[in-house]
Amino acid sequence: MTEAVSIRILDREYMIGCAPEEREGLLAASRLLDARMRELRTSHRLAGIDRIAVLAALNLAHELTQVRVKADEGDRTIRTLLADLNRGLERLNDRLAESE
C-alpha cells in the first residue's frame, strides 16, 4: 500500500507516493537533495533549476559510486581474511587429527 508524502525541494512542494515503511527514508533523501541543491544554487546563481538538479544528482551519484567501491573493497578484504582463517583452521584440524 502506498501513501502520499509531501516533500519540499527548493521551496517547491512535491507529492510522492511511497510505502509507509519507506517514508522516513524518502524524507531524509529529500532533505539531503534540498540541501545539496541549495548549496549549488548559492554557488551557481545564474544556473537554472534543471541544471542545479542535474549537478546535485551527479554529485550524489558520484558519492554513491565511491561508497560502493569502498564497500566492495571491504567485502574482498573480508573474504580474503575468512579464506585465510579457514585455511588456518583446516591446517590446525589436520595437525590435531595427525596427533591422535
PDB file of N, CA and C in Angstrom:
ATOM      1  N   MET A   1       0.840  -1.178   0.000  1.00  0.00           N
ATOM      2  CA  MET A   1       0.000   0.000   0.000  1.00  0.00           C
ATOM      3  C   MET A   1       0.885   1.242   0.000  1.00  0.00           C
ATOM      4  N   THR A   2       0.576   2.211  -0.829  1.00  0.00           N
ATOM      5  CA  THR A   2       1.365   3.440  -0.868  1.00  0.00           C
ATOM      6  C   THR A   2       0.582   4.572  -0.225  1.00  0.00           C
ATOM      7  N   GLU A   3       1.354   5.528   0.247  1.00  0.00           N
ATOM      8  CA  GLU A   3       0.767   6.734   0.822  1.00  0.00           C
ATOM      9  C   GLU A   3       1.411   7.934   0.163  1.00  0.00           C
ATOM     10  N   ALA A   4       0.694   9.034   0.114  1.00  0.00           N
ATOM     11  CA  ALA A   4       1.231  10.260  -0.467  1.00  0.00           C
ATOM     12  C   ALA A   4       2.038  10.991   0.607  1.00  0.00           C
ATOM     13  N   VAL A   5       3.250  11.368   0.233  1.00  0.00           N
ATOM     14  CA  VAL A   5       4.131  12.089   1.145  1.00  0.00           C
ATOM     15  C   VAL A   5       4.497  13.411   0.486  1.00  0.00           C
ATOM     16  N   SER A   6       4.354  14.481   1.237  1.00  0.00           N
ATOM     17  CA  SER A   6       4.689  15.801   0.737  1.00  0.00           C
ATOM     18  C   SER A   6       6.143  16.118   1.075  1.00  0.00           C
ATOM     19  N   ILE A   7       6.913  16.468   0.047  1.00  0.00           N
ATOM     20  CA  ILE A   7       8.301  16.893   0.265  1.00  0.00           C
ATOM     21  C   ILE A   7       8.493  18.263  -0.355  1.00  0.00           C
ATOM     22  N   ARG A   8       9.477  19.000   0.181  1.00  0.00           N
ATOM     23  CA  ARG A   8       9.792  20.320  -0.360  1.00  0.00           C
ATOM     24  C   ARG A   8      11.251  20.335  -0.785  1.00  0.00           C
ATOM     25  N   ILE A   9      11.450  20.751  -2.021  1.00  0.00           N
ATOM     26  CA  ILE A   9      12.808  20.895  -2.560  1.00  0.00           C
ATOM     27  C   ILE A   9      12.875  22.254  -3.225  1.00  0.00           C
ATOM     28  N   LEU A  10      13.798  23.065  -2.762  1.00  0.00           N
ATOM     29  CA  LEU A  10      13.962  24.437  -3.250  1.00  0.00           C
ATOM     30  C   LEU A  10      12.623  25.183  -3.260  1.00  0.00           C
ATOM     31  N   ASP A  11      11.938  25.099  -2.150  1.00  0.00           N
ATOM     32  CA  ASP A  11      10.675  25.810  -1.937  1.00  0.00           C
ATOM     33  C   ASP A  11       9.553  25.369  -2.866  1.00  0.00           C
ATOM     34  N   ARG A  12       9.695  24.224  -3.489  1.00  0.00           N
ATOM     35  CA  ARG A  12       8.626  23.649  -4.314  1.00  0.00           C
ATOM     36  C   ARG A  12       8.140  22.384  -3.636  1.00  0.00           C
ATOM     37  N   GLU A  13       6.835  22.229  -3.629  1.00  0.00           N
ATOM     38  CA  GLU A  13       6.261  21.058  -2.980  1.00  0.00           C
ATOM     39  C   GLU A  13       5.957  19.979  -4.011  1.00  0.00           C
ATOM     40  N   TYR A  14       6.265  18.746  -3.632  1.00  0.00           N
ATOM     41  CA  TYR A  14       6.005  17.591  -4.476  1.00  0.00           C
ATOM     42  C   TYR A  14       5.289  16.543  -3.644  1.00  0.00           C
ATOM     43  N   MET A  15       4.317  15.885  -4.250  1.00  0.00           N
ATOM     44  CA  MET A  15       3.635  14.767  -3.601  1.00  0.00           C
ATOM     45  C   MET A  15       4.206  13.493  -4.212  1.00  0.00           C
ATOM     46  N   ILE A  16       4.744  12.644  -3.371  1.00  0.00           N
ATOM     47  CA  ILE A  16       5.390  11.414  -3.820  1.00  0.00           C
ATOM     48  C   ILE A  16       4.700  10.244  -3.142  1.00  0.00           C
ATOM     49  N   GLY A  17       4.397   9.219  -3.920  1.00  0.00           N
ATOM     50  CA  GLY A  17       3.816   8.011  -3.355  1.00  0.00           C
ATOM     51  C   GLY A  17       4.911   7.053  -2.926  1.00  0.00           C
ATOM     52  N   CYS A  18       4.784   6.510  -1.728  1.00  0.00           N
ATOM     53  CA  CYS A  18       5.755   5.526  -1.259  1.00  0.00           C
ATOM     54  C   CYS A  18       5.102   4.621  -0.226  1.00  0.00           C
ATOM     55  N   ALA A  19       5.742   3.493   0.010  1.00  0.00           N
ATOM     56  CA  ALA A  19       5.258   2.563   1.034  1.00  0.00           C
ATOM     57  C   ALA A  19       5.483   3.196   2.408  1.00  0.00           C
ATOM     58  N   PRO A  20       4.603   2.927   3.357  1.00  0.00           N
ATOM     59  CA  PRO A  20       4.742   3.531   4.693  1.00  0.00           C
ATOM     60  C   PRO A  20       6.109   3.283   5.330  1.00  0.00           C
ATOM     61  N   GLU A  21       6.671   2.095   5.128  1.00  0.00           N
ATOM     62  CA  GLU A  21       7.975   1.793   5.742  1.00  0.00           C
ATOM     63  C   GLU A  21       9.126   2.533   5.063  1.00  0.00           C
ATOM     64  N   GLU A  22       8.887   3.140   3.914  1.00  0.00           N
ATOM     65  CA  GLU A  22       9.930   3.887   3.204  1.00  0.00           C
ATOM     66  C   GLU A  22       9.812   5.391   3.421  1.00  0.00           C
ATOM     67  N   ARG A  23       8.809   5.813   4.160  1.00  0.00           N
ATOM     68  CA  ARG A  23       8.523   7.245   4.346  1.00  0.00           C
ATOM     69  C   ARG A  23       9.714   7.997   4.936  1.00  0.00           C
ATOM     70  N   GLU A  24      10.258   7.497   6.028  1.00  0.00           N
ATOM     71  CA  GLU A  24      11.377   8.200   6.677  1.00  0.00           C
ATOM     72  C   GLU A  24      12.594   8.297   5.766  1.00  0.00           C
ATOM     73  N   GLY A  25      12.865   7.241   5.013  1.00  0.00           N
ATOM     74  CA  GLY A  25      13.976   7.271   4.070  1.00  0.00           C
ATOM     75  C   GLY A  25      13.757   8.293   2.966  1.00  0.00           C
ATOM     76  N   LEU A  26      12.522   8.366   2.478  1.00  0.00           N
ATOM     77  CA  LEU A  26      12.192   9.355   1.445  1.00  0.00           C
ATOM     78  C   LEU A  26      12.362  10.772   1.979  1.00  0.00           C
ATOM     79  N   LEU A  27      11.896  11.006   3.194  1.00  0.00           N
ATOM     80  CA  LEU A  27      12.031  12.349   3.782  1.00  0.00           C
ATOM     81  C   LEU A  27      13.500  12.709   3.997  1.00  0.00           C
ATOM     82  N   ALA A  28      14.288  11.748   4.450  1.00  0.00           N
ATOM     83  CA  ALA A  28      15.722  12.006   4.639  1.00  0.00           C
ATOM     84  C   ALA A  28      16.391  12.302   3.305  1.00  0.00           C
ATOM     85  N   ALA A  29      16.042  11.522   2.277  1.00  0.00           N
ATOM     86  CA  ALA A  29      16.618  11.743   0.948  1.00  0.00           C
ATOM     87  C   ALA A  29      16.223  13.105   0.402  1.00  0.00           C
ATOM     88  N   SER A  30      14.975  13.512   0.620  1.00  0.00           N
ATOM     89  CA  SER A  30      14.530  14.813   0.114  1.00  0.00           C
ATOM     90  C   SER A  30      15.237  15.950   0.839  1.00  0.00           C
ATOM     91  N   ARG A  31      15.492  15.781   2.133  1.00  0.00           N
ATOM     92  CA  ARG A  31      16.234  16.822   2.875  1.00  0.00           C
ATOM     93  C   ARG A  31      17.670  16.933   2.359  1.00  0.00           C
ATOM     94  N   LEU A  32      18.279  15.780   2.091  1.00  0.00           N
ATOM     95  CA  LEU A  32      19.645  15.786   1.551  1.00  0.00           C
ATOM     96  C   LEU A  32      19.677  16.457   0.182  1.00  0.00           C
ATOM     97  N   LEU A  33      18.749  16.085  -0.687  1.00  0.00           N
ATOM     98  CA  LEU A  33      18.698  16.678  -2.023  1.00  0.00           C
ATOM     99  C   LEU A  33      18.442  18.180  -1.942  1.00  0.00           C
ATOM    100  N   ASP A  34      17.531  18.587  -1.093  1.00  0.00           N
ATOM    101  CA  ASP A  34      17.237  20.016  -0.922  1.00  0.00           C
ATOM    102  C   ASP A  34      18.486  20.769  -0.471  1.00  0.00           C
ATOM    103  N   ALA A  35      19.193  20.219   0.500  1.00  0.00           N
ATOM    104  CA  ALA A  35      20.409  20.878   0.996  1.00  0.00           C
ATOM    105  C   ALA A  35      21.462  20.999  -0.102  1.00  0.00           C
ATOM    106  N   ARG A  36      21.654  19.910  -0.862  1.00  0.00           N
ATOM    107  CA  ARG A  36      22.652  19.948  -1.945  1.00  0.00           C
ATOM    108  C   ARG A  36      22.266  20.952  -3.019  1.00  0.00           C
ATOM    109  N   MET A  37      20.990  20.977  -3.362  1.00  0.00           N
ATOM    110  CA  MET A  37      20.553  21.906  -4.406  1.00  0.00           C
ATOM    111  C   MET A  37      20.669  23.350  -3.922  1.00  0.00           C
ATOM    112  N   ARG A  38      20.422  23.595  -2.661  1.00  0.00           N
ATOM    113  CA  ARG A  38      20.584  24.948  -2.117  1.00  0.00           C
ATOM    114  C   ARG A  38      22.051  25.377  -2.158  1.00  0.00           C
ATOM    115  N   GLU A  39      22.955  24.453  -1.809  1.00  0.00           N
ATOM    116  CA  GLU A  39      24.393  24.755  -1.890  1.00  0.00           C
ATOM    117  C   GLU A  39      24.783  25.120  -3.316  1.00  0.00           C
ATOM    118  N   LEU A  40      24.319  24.323  -4.258  1.00  0.00           N
ATOM    119  CA  LEU A  40      24.661  24.571  -5.661  1.00  0.00           C
ATOM    120  C   LEU A  40      24.043  25.874  -6.161  1.00  0.00           C
ATOM    121  N   ARG A  41      22.829  26.146  -5.751  1.00  0.00           N
ATOM    122  CA  ARG A  41      22.168  27.387  -6.176  1.00  0.00           C
ATOM    123  C   ARG A  41      22.947  28.598  -5.666  1.00  0.00           C
ATOM    124  N   THR A  42      23.499  28.503  -4.465  1.00  0.00           N
ATOM    125  CA  THR A  42      24.284  29.597  -3.903  1.00  0.00           C
ATOM    126  C   THR A  42      25.553  29.834  -4.717  1.00  0.00           C
ATOM    127  N   SER A  43      26.207  28.746  -5.130  1.00  0.00           N
ATOM    128  CA  SER A  43      27.465  28.902  -5.869  1.00  0.00           C
ATOM    129  C   SER A  43      27.272  29.056  -7.375  1.00  0.00           C
ATOM    130  N   HIS A  44      26.090  28.779  -7.890  1.00  0.00           N
ATOM    131  CA  HIS A  44      25.792  28.912  -9.324  1.00  0.00           C
ATOM    132  C   HIS A  44      24.532  29.767  -9.483  1.00  0.00           C
ATOM    133  N   ARG A  45      24.625  30.994  -9.098  1.00  0.00           N
ATOM    134  CA  ARG A  45      23.458  31.881  -9.046  1.00  0.00           C
ATOM    135  C   ARG A  45      22.694  31.977 -10.368  1.00  0.00           C
ATOM    136  N   LEU A  46      23.377  31.897 -11.485  1.00  0.00           N
ATOM    137  CA  LEU A  46      22.708  32.073 -12.773  1.00  0.00           C
ATOM    138  C   LEU A  46      22.192  30.767 -13.371  1.00  0.00           C
ATOM    139  N   ALA A  47      22.486  29.662 -12.707  1.00  0.00           N
ATOM    140  CA  ALA A  47      22.057  28.369 -13.242  1.00  0.00           C
ATOM    141  C   ALA A  47      20.564  28.164 -13.007  1.00  0.00           C
ATOM    142  N   GLY A  48      19.927  27.523 -13.968  1.00  0.00           N
ATOM    143  CA  GLY A  48      18.510  27.201 -13.835  1.00  0.00           C
ATOM    144  C   GLY A  48      18.302  26.008 -12.923  1.00  0.00           C
ATOM    145  N   ILE A  49      17.076  25.820 -12.523  1.00  0.00           N
ATOM    146  CA  ILE A  49      16.748  24.729 -11.602  1.00  0.00           C
ATOM    147  C   ILE A  49      17.077  23.373 -12.196  1.00  0.00           C
ATOM    148  N   ASP A  50      16.897  23.214 -13.513  1.00  0.00           N
ATOM    149  CA  ASP A  50      17.213  21.931 -14.149  1.00  0.00           C
ATOM    150  C   ASP A  50      18.698  21.631 -14.037  1.00  0.00           C
ATOM    151  N   ARG A  51      19.516  22.623 -14.287  1.00  0.00           N
ATOM    152  CA  ARG A  51      20.972  22.430 -14.196  1.00  0.00           C
ATOM    153  C   ARG A  51      21.386  22.122 -12.765  1.00  0.00           C
ATOM    154  N   ILE A  52      20.803  22.819 -11.807  1.00  0.00           N
ATOM    155  CA  ILE A  52      21.111  22.579 -10.401  1.00  0.00           C
ATOM    156  C   ILE A  52      20.714  21.152 -10.013  1.00  0.00           C
ATOM    157  N   ALA A  53      19.552  20.702 -10.480  1.00  0.00           N
ATOM    158  CA  ALA A  53      19.093  19.340 -10.186  1.00  0.00           C
ATOM    159  C   ALA A  53      20.045  18.305 -10.775  1.00  0.00           C
ATOM    160  N   VAL A  54      20.490  18.523 -12.007  1.00  0.00           N
ATOM    161  CA  VAL A  54      21.411  17.585 -12.648  1.00  0.00           C
ATOM    162  C   VAL A  54      22.746  17.572 -11.918  1.00  0.00           C
ATOM    163  N   LEU A  55      23.267  18.739 -11.549  1.00  0.00           N
ATOM    164  CA  LEU A  55      24.534  18.794 -10.812  1.00  0.00           C
ATOM    165  C   LEU A  55      24.415  18.089  -9.463  1.00  0.00           C
ATOM    166  N   ALA A  56      23.317  18.302  -8.764  1.00  0.00           N
ATOM    167  CA  ALA A  56      23.106  17.631  -7.475  1.00  0.00           C
ATOM    168  C   ALA A  56      23.027  16.122  -7.666  1.00  0.00           C
ATOM    169  N   ALA A  57      22.294  15.692  -8.686  1.00  0.00           N
ATOM    170  CA  ALA A  57      22.173  14.254  -8.952  1.00  0.00           C
ATOM    171  C   ALA A  57      23.532  13.646  -9.294  1.00  0.00           C
ATOM    172  N   LEU A  58      24.316  14.345 -10.098  1.00  0.00           N
ATOM    173  CA  LEU A  58      25.650  13.838 -10.445  1.00  0.00           C
ATOM    174  C   LEU A  58      26.546  13.747  -9.216  1.00  0.00           C
ATOM    175  N   ASN A  59      26.510  14.769  -8.374  1.00  0.00           N
ATOM    176  CA  ASN A  59      27.325  14.749  -7.155  1.00  0.00           C
ATOM    177  C   ASN A  59      26.923  13.591  -6.249  1.00  0.00           C
ATOM    178  N   LEU A  60      25.631  13.392  -6.055  1.00  0.00           N
ATOM    179  CA  LEU A  60      25.159  12.303  -5.201  1.00  0.00           C
ATOM    180  C   LEU A  60      25.473  10.938  -5.814  1.00  0.00           C
ATOM    181  N   ALA A  61      25.323  10.813  -7.135  1.00  0.00           N
ATOM    182  CA  ALA A  61      25.647   9.553  -7.803  1.00  0.00           C
ATOM    183  C   ALA A  61      27.135   9.247  -7.682  1.00  0.00           C
ATOM    184  N   HIS A  62      27.975  10.271  -7.780  1.00  0.00           N
ATOM    185  CA  HIS A  62      29.419  10.087  -7.628  1.00  0.00           C
ATOM    186  C   HIS A  62      29.747   9.606  -6.214  1.00  0.00           C
ATOM    187  N   GLU A  63      29.142  10.220  -5.216  1.00  0.00           N
ATOM    188  CA  GLU A  63      29.362   9.803  -3.831  1.00  0.00           C
ATOM    189  C   GLU A  63      28.904   8.363  -3.621  1.00  0.00           C
ATOM    190  N   LEU A  64      27.762   8.003  -4.184  1.00  0.00           N
ATOM    191  CA  LEU A  64      27.260   6.637  -4.064  1.00  0.00           C
ATOM    192  C   LEU A  64      28.232   5.654  -4.702  1.00  0.00           C
ATOM    193  N   THR A  65      28.763   6.004  -5.854  1.00  0.00           N
ATOM    194  CA  THR A  65      29.725   5.150  -6.539  1.00  0.00           C
ATOM    195  C   THR A  65      30.965   4.934  -5.684  1.00  0.00           C
ATOM    196  N   GLN A  66      31.461   6.013  -5.064  1.00  0.00           N
ATOM    197  CA  GLN A  66      32.631   5.895  -4.197  1.00  0.00           C
ATOM    198  C   GLN A  66      32.342   4.994  -3.000  1.00  0.00           C
ATOM    199  N   VAL A  67      31.174   5.129  -2.412  1.00  0.00           N
ATOM    200  CA  VAL A  67      30.797   4.279  -1.272  1.00  0.00           C
ATOM    201  C   VAL A  67      30.731   2.819  -1.701  1.00  0.00           C
ATOM    202  N   ARG A  68      30.158   2.572  -2.872  1.00  0.00           N
ATOM    203  CA  ARG A  68      30.061   1.187  -3.372  1.00  0.00           C
ATOM    204  C   ARG A  68      31.438   0.586  -3.624  1.00  0.00           C
ATOM    205  N   VAL A  69      32.347   1.379  -4.182  1.00  0.00           N
ATOM    206  CA  VAL A  69      33.711   0.888  -4.439  1.00  0.00           C
ATOM    207  C   VAL A  69      34.377   0.522  -3.116  1.00  0.00           C
ATOM    208  N   LYS A  70      34.260   1.389  -2.120  1.00  0.00           N
ATOM    209  CA  LYS A  70      34.861   1.100  -0.814  1.00  0.00           C
ATOM    210  C   LYS A  70      34.219  -0.116  -0.167  1.00  0.00           C
ATOM    211  N   ALA A  71      32.911  -0.262  -0.311  1.00  0.00           N
ATOM    212  CA  ALA A  71      32.223  -1.429   0.251  1.00  0.00           C
ATOM    213  C   ALA A  71      32.703  -2.702  -0.441  1.00  0.00           C
ATOM    214  N   ASP A  72      32.878  -2.647  -1.760  1.00  0.00           N
ATOM    215  CA  ASP A  72      33.376  -3.813  -2.500  1.00  0.00           C
ATOM    216  C   ASP A  72      34.790  -4.173  -2.046  1.00  0.00           C
ATOM    217  N   GLU A  73      35.622  -3.153  -1.831  1.00  0.00           N
ATOM    218  CA  GLU A  73      36.982  -3.403  -1.350  1.00  0.00           C
ATOM    219  C   GLU A  73      36.935  -4.050   0.028  1.00  0.00           C
ATOM    220  N   GLY A  74      36.045  -3.561   0.884  1.00  0.00           N
ATOM    221  CA  GLY A  74      35.893  -4.149   2.217  1.00  0.00           C
ATOM    222  C   GLY A  74      35.410  -5.583   2.142  1.00  0.00           C
ATOM    223  N   ASP A  75      34.467  -5.853   1.246  1.00  0.00           N
ATOM    224  CA  ASP A  75      33.972  -7.220   1.066  1.00  0.00           C
ATOM    225  C   ASP A  75      35.097  -8.150   0.614  1.00  0.00           C
ATOM    226  N   ARG A  76      35.915  -7.679  -0.327  1.00  0.00           N
ATOM    227  CA  ARG A  76      37.032  -8.504  -0.806  1.00  0.00           C
ATOM    228  C   ARG A  76      38.021  -8.777   0.325  1.00  0.00           C
ATOM    229  N   THR A  77      38.294  -7.767   1.124  1.00  0.00           N
ATOM    230  CA  THR A  77      39.217  -7.936   2.246  1.00  0.00           C
ATOM    231  C   THR A  77      38.670  -8.951   3.238  1.00  0.00           C
ATOM    232  N   ILE A  78      37.389  -8.848   3.552  1.00  0.00           N
ATOM    233  CA  ILE A  78      36.768  -9.788   4.489  1.00  0.00           C
ATOM    234  C   ILE A  78      36.798 -11.209   3.925  1.00  0.00           C
ATOM    235  N   ARG A  79      36.483 -11.355   2.630  1.00  0.00           N
ATOM    236  CA  ARG A  79      36.525 -12.690   2.025  1.00  0.00           C
ATOM    237  C   ARG A  79      37.933 -13.281   2.082  1.00  0.00           C
ATOM    238  N   THR A  80      38.944 -12.452   1.834  1.00  0.00           N
ATOM    239  CA  THR A  80      40.333 -12.917   1.893  1.00  0.00           C
ATOM    240  C   THR A  80      40.694 -13.343   3.311  1.00  0.00           C
ATOM    241  N   LEU A  81      40.325 -12.523   4.287  1.00  0.00           N
ATOM    242  CA  LEU A  81      40.621 -12.857   5.685  1.00  0.00           C
ATOM    243  C   LEU A  81      39.918 -14.144   6.112  1.00  0.00           C
ATOM    244  N   LEU A  82      38.647 -14.299   5.715  1.00  0.00           N
ATOM    245  CA  LEU A  82      37.920 -15.513   6.062  1.00  0.00           C
ATOM    246  C   LEU A  82      38.543 -16.747   5.407  1.00  0.00           C
ATOM    247  N   ALA A  83      38.974 -16.609   4.164  1.00  0.00           N
ATOM    248  CA  ALA A  83      39.632 -17.732   3.482  1.00  0.00           C
ATOM    249  C   ALA A  83      40.925 -18.093   4.203  1.00  0.00           C
ATOM    250  N   ASP A  84      41.694 -17.076   4.613  1.00  0.00           N
ATOM    251  CA  ASP A  84      42.932 -17.331   5.359  1.00  0.00           C
ATOM    252  C   ASP A  84      42.638 -18.025   6.680  1.00  0.00           C
ATOM    253  N   LEU A  85      41.611 -17.564   7.383  1.00  0.00           N
ATOM    254  CA  LEU A  85      41.238 -18.196   8.650  1.00  0.00           C
ATOM    255  C   LEU A  85      40.800 -19.638   8.440  1.00  0.00           C
ATOM    256  N   ASN A  86      40.009 -19.879   7.398  1.00  0.00           N
ATOM    257  CA  ASN A  86      39.575 -21.251   7.108  1.00  0.00           C
ATOM    258  C   ASN A  86      40.756 -22.160   6.803  1.00  0.00           C
ATOM    259  N   ARG A  87      41.709 -21.653   6.032  1.00  0.00           N
ATOM    260  CA  ARG A  87      42.900 -22.466   5.735  1.00  0.00           C
ATOM    261  C   ARG A  87      43.665 -22.753   7.011  1.00  0.00           C
ATOM    262  N   GLY A  88      43.799 -21.757   7.871  1.00  0.00           N
ATOM    263  CA  GLY A  88      44.489 -21.966   9.148  1.00  0.00           C
ATOM    264  C   GLY A  88      43.768 -22.977  10.016  1.00  0.00           C
ATOM    265  N   LEU A  89      42.449 -22.911  10.063  1.00  0.00           N
ATOM    266  CA  LEU A  89      41.681 -23.876  10.841  1.00  0.00           C
ATOM    267  C   LEU A  89      41.804 -25.279  10.267  1.00  0.00           C
ATOM    268  N   GLU A  90      41.816 -25.379   8.946  1.00  0.00           N
ATOM    269  CA  GLU A  90      41.981 -26.697   8.312  1.00  0.00           C
ATOM    270  C   GLU A  90      43.351 -27.289   8.640  1.00  0.00           C
ATOM    271  N   ARG A  91      44.398 -26.451   8.602  1.00  0.00           N
ATOM    272  CA  ARG A  91      45.741 -26.937   8.947  1.00  0.00           C
ATOM    273  C   ARG A  91      45.783 -27.385  10.405  1.00  0.00           C
ATOM    274  N   LEU A  92      45.174 -26.608  11.276  1.00  0.00           N
ATOM    275  CA  LEU A  92      45.137 -26.962  12.697  1.00  0.00           C
ATOM    276  C   LEU A  92      44.371 -28.259  12.895  1.00  0.00           C
ATOM    277  N   ASN A  93      43.255 -28.401  12.210  1.00  0.00           N
ATOM    278  CA  ASN A  93      42.459 -29.626  12.300  1.00  0.00           C
ATOM    279  C   ASN A  93      43.256 -30.822  11.793  1.00  0.00           C
ATOM    280  N   ASP A  94      44.004 -30.625  10.696  1.00  0.00           N
ATOM    281  CA  ASP A  94      44.828 -31.714  10.159  1.00  0.00           C
ATOM    282  C   ASP A  94      45.898 -32.124  11.165  1.00  0.00           C
ATOM    283  N   ARG A  95      46.532 -31.149  11.813  1.00  0.00           N
ATOM    284  CA  ARG A  95      47.582 -31.456  12.810  1.00  0.00           C
ATOM    285  C   ARG A  95      46.989 -32.202  13.996  1.00  0.00           C
ATOM    286  N   LEU A  96      45.819 -31.783  14.443  1.00  0.00           N
ATOM    287  CA  LEU A  96      45.173 -32.443  15.559  1.00  0.00           C
ATOM    288  C   LEU A  96      44.809 -33.879  15.200  1.00  0.00           C
ATOM    289  N   ALA A  97      44.355 -34.077  13.976  1.00  0.00           N
ATOM    290  CA  ALA A  97      43.989 -35.414  13.522  1.00  0.00           C
ATOM    291  C   ALA A  97      45.225 -36.301  13.449  1.00  0.00           C
ATOM    292  N   GLU A  98      46.368 -35.735  13.014  1.00  0.00           N
ATOM    293  CA  GLU A  98      47.608 -36.494  12.905  1.00  0.00           C
ATOM    294  C   GLU A  98      48.127 -36.903  14.290  1.00  0.00           C
ATOM    295  N   SER A  99      47.923 -36.052  15.295  1.00  0.00           N
ATOM    296  CA  SER A  99      48.456 -36.318  16.631  1.00  0.00           C
ATOM    297  C   SER A  99      47.629 -37.345  17.390  1.00  0.00           C
ATOM    298  N   GLU A 100      46.458 -37.665  16.918  1.00  0.00           N
ATOM    299  CA  GLU A 100      45.599 -38.633  17.607  1.00  0.00           C
ATOM    300  C   GLU A 100      45.976 -40.021  17.321  1.00  0.00           C
TER     301      GLU A 100
END
